[in-house]
Amino acid sequence: MEIAPKTFVTHRLVKSEDLNHHGTLFAGRSAEWFVEAGFVSATAGLLDPKKIVCLKIYGMEFLYPVRLGSLLCYESKVVLTGRSSLMAYISARQVDKPNAEIFTDGFIRFVHVDENTHAMPHNITIAPVIDEDKALMERAQNLPK
């Protein structure tokens, strides 16, 4: 099955339990939301969620701190597929700040597995149409395995 990348959006409100000792968004909480956003794009309409596992996170550098009460938007899309893998690109920005730049982005490699967690083919091919998706596919192809 050949498909174009499709963007999925997940929103999060930064609450007090999401903060670190500096009063900013805890990296571990953001990583959790980052993986969850990628998982949504890898499973929504593509594959059974029970047959997807996260293999590796690439990037996810924090470019500026996020404070209590911020409304965040995580956007994700699958930009590259292998025989059994899917590579999702995730970016996050603050919705409550006009013209807010991305505060973190990166890629996640997921693997399609059987009931014994052995990799198995998924028969999906990503076919980018717009230049942005083509550039993301190229970036994903250049990441280490």
C-alpha atoms as a PDB file:
ATOM      1  CA  MET A   1       0.000   0.000   0.000  1.00  0.00           C
ATOM      2  CA  GLU A   2       1.497   3.360  -1.063  1.00  0.00           C
ATOM      3  CA  ILE A   3       0.416   6.461   0.848  1.00  0.00           C
ATOM      4  CA  ALA A   4       1.360  10.116   1.249  1.00  0.00           C
ATOM      5  CA  PRO A   5       2.464  11.316   4.702  1.00  0.00           C
ATOM      6  CA  LYS A   6      -0.446  12.505   6.857  1.00  0.00           C
ATOM      7  CA  THR A   7      -0.034  14.882   9.795  1.00  0.00           C
ATOM      8  CA  PHE A   8      -1.565  14.083  13.185  1.00  0.00           C
ATOM      9  CA  VAL A   9      -1.886  16.680  15.939  1.00  0.00           C
ATOM     10  CA  THR A  10      -1.794  16.093  19.704  1.00  0.00           C
ATOM     11  CA  HIS A  11      -2.264  18.888  22.250  1.00  0.00           C
ATOM     12  CA  ARG A  12      -0.955  19.000  25.830  1.00  0.00           C
ATOM     13  CA  LEU A  13      -1.339  21.455  28.696  1.00  0.00           C
ATOM     14  CA  VAL A  14       1.772  21.837  30.875  1.00  0.00           C
ATOM     15  CA  LYS A  15       0.669  21.292  34.494  1.00  0.00           C
ATOM     16  CA  SER A  16       2.640  21.512  37.717  1.00  0.00           C
ATOM     17  CA  GLU A  17       3.302  17.751  37.755  1.00  0.00           C
ATOM     18  CA  ASP A  18       5.007  18.116  34.341  1.00  0.00           C
ATOM     19  CA  LEU A  19       7.714  20.491  35.637  1.00  0.00           C
ATOM     20  CA  ASN A  20      11.306  19.915  36.669  1.00  0.00           C
ATOM     21  CA  HIS A  21      13.185  21.549  39.566  1.00  0.00           C
ATOM     22  CA  HIS A  22      13.719  24.678  37.419  1.00  0.00           C
ATOM     23  CA  GLY A  23       9.978  25.187  36.961  1.00  0.00           C
ATOM     24  CA  THR A  24      10.104  24.275  33.261  1.00  0.00           C
ATOM     25  CA  LEU A  25       8.787  21.303  31.317  1.00  0.00           C
ATOM     26  CA  PHE A  26      10.567  18.123  32.459  1.00  0.00           C
ATOM     27  CA  ALA A  27      12.414  16.515  29.528  1.00  0.00           C
ATOM     28  CA  GLY A  28      11.123  13.070  30.486  1.00  0.00           C
ATOM     29  CA  ARG A  29       7.504  14.220  30.282  1.00  0.00           C
ATOM     30  CA  SER A  30       8.122  15.855  26.908  1.00  0.00           C
ATOM     31  CA  ALA A  31       9.820  12.656  25.703  1.00  0.00           C
ATOM     32  CA  GLU A  32       6.724  10.686  26.758  1.00  0.00           C
ATOM     33  CA  TRP A  33       4.460  13.025  24.774  1.00  0.00           C
ATOM     34  CA  PHE A  34       6.925  12.987  21.853  1.00  0.00           C
ATOM     35  CA  VAL A  35       6.835   9.179  21.607  1.00  0.00           C
ATOM     36  CA  GLU A  36       3.073   9.128  22.040  1.00  0.00           C
ATOM     37  CA  ALA A  37       2.628  11.612  19.167  1.00  0.00           C
ATOM     38  CA  GLY A  38       4.868   9.506  16.938  1.00  0.00           C
ATOM     39  CA  PHE A  39       2.991   6.358  17.931  1.00  0.00           C
ATOM     40  CA  VAL A  40      -0.297   7.979  16.888  1.00  0.00           C
ATOM     41  CA  SER A  41       1.028   8.684  13.387  1.00  0.00           C
ATOM     42  CA  ALA A  42       2.461   5.150  13.085  1.00  0.00           C
ATOM     43  CA  THR A  43      -0.796   3.479  14.028  1.00  0.00           C
ATOM     44  CA  ALA A  44      -3.715   5.739  13.041  1.00  0.00           C
ATOM     45  CA  GLY A  45      -5.141   4.127   9.947  1.00  0.00           C
ATOM     46  CA  LEU A  46      -1.894   2.284   9.205  1.00  0.00           C
ATOM     47  CA  LEU A  47      -1.135  -0.551  11.600  1.00  0.00           C
ATOM     48  CA  ASP A  48      -2.522  -2.322  14.647  1.00  0.00           C
ATOM     49  CA  PRO A  49      -1.210  -0.500  17.772  1.00  0.00           C
ATOM     50  CA  LYS A  50      -0.583  -3.871  19.426  1.00  0.00           C
ATOM     51  CA  LYS A  51       1.951  -4.676  16.708  1.00  0.00           C
ATOM     52  CA  ILE A  52       4.128  -1.552  16.953  1.00  0.00           C
ATOM     53  CA  VAL A  53       7.144  -1.017  19.225  1.00  0.00           C
ATOM     54  CA  CYS A  54       9.422   2.001  19.580  1.00  0.00           C
ATOM     55  CA  LEU A  55      13.002   1.206  18.593  1.00  0.00           C
ATOM     56  CA  LYS A  56      14.907   4.491  18.683  1.00  0.00           C
ATOM     57  CA  ILE A  57      14.517   8.240  19.171  1.00  0.00           C
ATOM     58  CA  TYR A  58      16.670  10.561  17.046  1.00  0.00           C
ATOM     59  CA  GLY A  59      17.189  14.190  17.969  1.00  0.00           C
ATOM     60  CA  MET A  60      14.712  15.753  20.373  1.00  0.00           C
ATOM     61  CA  GLU A  61      16.938  18.680  21.301  1.00  0.00           C
ATOM     62  CA  PHE A  62      15.195  21.293  23.457  1.00  0.00           C
ATOM     63  CA  LEU A  63      15.607  24.733  21.909  1.00  0.00           C
ATOM     64  CA  TYR A  64      13.962  26.831  24.638  1.00  0.00           C
ATOM     65  CA  PRO A  65      12.263  26.236  28.010  1.00  0.00           C
ATOM     66  CA  VAL A  66       8.516  25.685  28.282  1.00  0.00           C
ATOM     67  CA  ARG A  67       6.700  27.040  31.335  1.00  0.00           C
ATOM     68  CA  LEU A  68       3.695  26.108  33.463  1.00  0.00           C
ATOM     69  CA  GLY A  69       0.365  26.697  31.743  1.00  0.00           C
ATOM     70  CA  SER A  70       1.735  26.476  28.204  1.00  0.00           C
ATOM     71  CA  LEU A  71      -0.449  24.790  25.622  1.00  0.00           C
ATOM     72  CA  LEU A  72       1.669  22.550  23.389  1.00  0.00           C
ATOM     73  CA  CYS A  73       1.026  21.116  19.958  1.00  0.00           C
ATOM     74  CA  TYR A  74       2.878  17.987  18.853  1.00  0.00           C
ATOM     75  CA  GLU A  75       2.631  17.313  15.111  1.00  0.00           C
ATOM     76  CA  SER A  76       3.687  13.929  13.765  1.00  0.00           C
ATOM     77  CA  LYS A  77       3.773  12.051  10.486  1.00  0.00           C
ATOM     78  CA  VAL A  78       5.354   8.910   9.111  1.00  0.00           C
ATOM     79  CA  VAL A  79       7.911  10.064   6.541  1.00  0.00           C
ATOM     80  CA  LEU A  80       9.825   6.880   5.702  1.00  0.00           C
ATOM     81  CA  THR A  81       9.199   3.149   5.733  1.00  0.00           C
ATOM     82  CA  GLY A  82      11.423   0.130   5.526  1.00  0.00           C
ATOM     83  CA  ARG A  83      10.455  -3.527   5.268  1.00  0.00           C
ATOM     84  CA  SER A  84       9.239  -3.658   8.865  1.00  0.00           C
ATOM     85  CA  SER A  85      10.031  -0.160  10.164  1.00  0.00           C
ATOM     86  CA  LEU A  86       8.279   3.180  10.124  1.00  0.00           C
ATOM     87  CA  MET A  87      10.076   6.471  10.743  1.00  0.00           C
ATOM     88  CA  ALA A  88       7.953   9.279  12.180  1.00  0.00           C
ATOM     89  CA  TYR A  89       8.911  12.951  12.321  1.00  0.00           C
ATOM     90  CA  ILE A  90       7.623  14.856  15.347  1.00  0.00           C
ATOM     91  CA  SER A  91       7.767  18.586  16.039  1.00  0.00           C
ATOM     92  CA  ALA A  92       6.373  20.522  18.999  1.00  0.00           C
ATOM     93  CA  ARG A  93       5.568  24.171  19.543  1.00  0.00           C
ATOM     94  CA  GLN A  94       3.649  26.337  21.974  1.00  0.00           C
ATOM     95  CA  VAL A  95       0.146  27.085  20.714  1.00  0.00           C
ATOM     96  CA  ASP A  96      -0.392  29.918  23.193  1.00  0.00           C
ATOM     97  CA  LYS A  97       2.528  31.983  21.826  1.00  0.00           C
ATOM     98  CA  PRO A  98       1.902  33.773  18.529  1.00  0.00           C
ATOM     99  CA  ASN A  99       4.446  32.697  15.881  1.00  0.00           C
ATOM    100  CA  ALA A 100       6.068  30.291  18.344  1.00  0.00           C
ATOM    101  CA  GLU A 101       8.995  28.408  16.934  1.00  0.00           C
ATOM    102  CA  ILE A 102       9.441  24.683  17.382  1.00  0.00           C
ATOM    103  CA  PHE A 103      10.843  23.937  20.855  1.00  0.00           C
ATOM    104  CA  THR A 104      11.799  20.360  19.996  1.00  0.00           C
ATOM    105  CA  ASP A 105      11.725  18.038  17.011  1.00  0.00           C
ATOM    106  CA  GLY A 106      13.165  14.753  15.868  1.00  0.00           C
ATOM    107  CA  PHE A 107      12.440  11.298  14.517  1.00  0.00           C
ATOM    108  CA  ILE A 108      11.360   7.987  16.005  1.00  0.00           C
ATOM    109  CA  ARG A 109      11.840   4.558  14.438  1.00  0.00           C
ATOM    110  CA  PHE A 110       9.028   2.110  15.143  1.00  0.00           C
ATOM    111  CA  VAL A 111       9.025  -1.554  14.188  1.00  0.00           C
ATOM    112  CA  HIS A 112       6.050  -3.668  13.122  1.00  0.00           C
ATOM    113  CA  VAL A 113       6.176  -6.933  15.102  1.00  0.00           C
ATOM    114  CA  ASP A 114       4.354 -10.234  15.472  1.00  0.00           C
ATOM    115  CA  GLU A 115       3.007 -11.674  18.748  1.00  0.00           C
ATOM    116  CA  ASN A 116       6.551 -12.754  19.715  1.00  0.00           C
ATOM    117  CA  THR A 117       7.932  -9.249  19.041  1.00  0.00           C
ATOM    118  CA  HIS A 118       9.839 -10.378  15.944  1.00  0.00           C
ATOM    119  CA  ALA A 119       9.973  -7.845  13.121  1.00  0.00           C
ATOM    120  CA  MET A 120       7.545  -8.552  10.315  1.00  0.00           C
ATOM    121  CA  PRO A 121       6.786  -6.771   7.014  1.00  0.00           C
ATOM    122  CA  HIS A 122       4.018  -4.177   7.016  1.00  0.00           C
ATOM    123  CA  ASN A 123       3.697  -3.686   3.213  1.00  0.00           C
ATOM    124  CA  ILE A 124       3.402   0.115   3.455  1.00  0.00           C
ATOM    125  CA  THR A 125       5.339   2.551   1.305  1.00  0.00           C
ATOM    126  CA  ILE A 126       5.432   6.269   2.006  1.00  0.00           C
ATOM    127  CA  ALA A 127       5.280   8.397  -1.148  1.00  0.00           C
ATOM    128  CA  PRO A 128       5.883  12.062  -0.323  1.00  0.00           C
ATOM    129  CA  VAL A 129       4.128  14.593  -2.534  1.00  0.00           C
ATOM    130  CA  ILE A 130       5.117  18.010  -1.159  1.00  0.00           C
ATOM    131  CA  ASP A 131       8.684  19.303  -0.929  1.00  0.00           C
ATOM    132  CA  GLU A 132       8.598  19.487   2.888  1.00  0.00           C
ATOM    133  CA  ASP A 133       7.795  15.765   3.115  1.00  0.00           C
ATOM    134  CA  LYS A 134      10.475  14.931   0.557  1.00  0.00           C
ATOM    135  CA  ALA A 135      13.029  16.852   2.652  1.00  0.00           C
ATOM    136  CA  LEU A 136      11.914  15.051   5.837  1.00  0.00           C
ATOM    137  CA  MET A 137      12.217  11.693   4.069  1.00  0.00           C
ATOM    138  CA  GLU A 138      15.742  12.569   2.990  1.00  0.00           C
ATOM    139  CA  ARG A 139      16.665  13.617   6.539  1.00  0.00           C
ATOM    140  CA  ALA A 140      15.239  10.328   7.869  1.00  0.00           C
ATOM    141  CA  GLN A 141      17.169   8.305   5.281  1.00  0.00           C
ATOM    142  CA  ASN A 142      20.415   9.910   6.464  1.00  0.00           C
ATOM    143  CA  LEU A 143      19.952   8.984  10.134  1.00  0.00           C
ATOM    144  CA  PRO A 144      22.091   6.152  11.532  1.00  0.00           C
ATOM    145  CA  LYS A 145      20.390   2.759  11.782  1.00  0.00           C
END
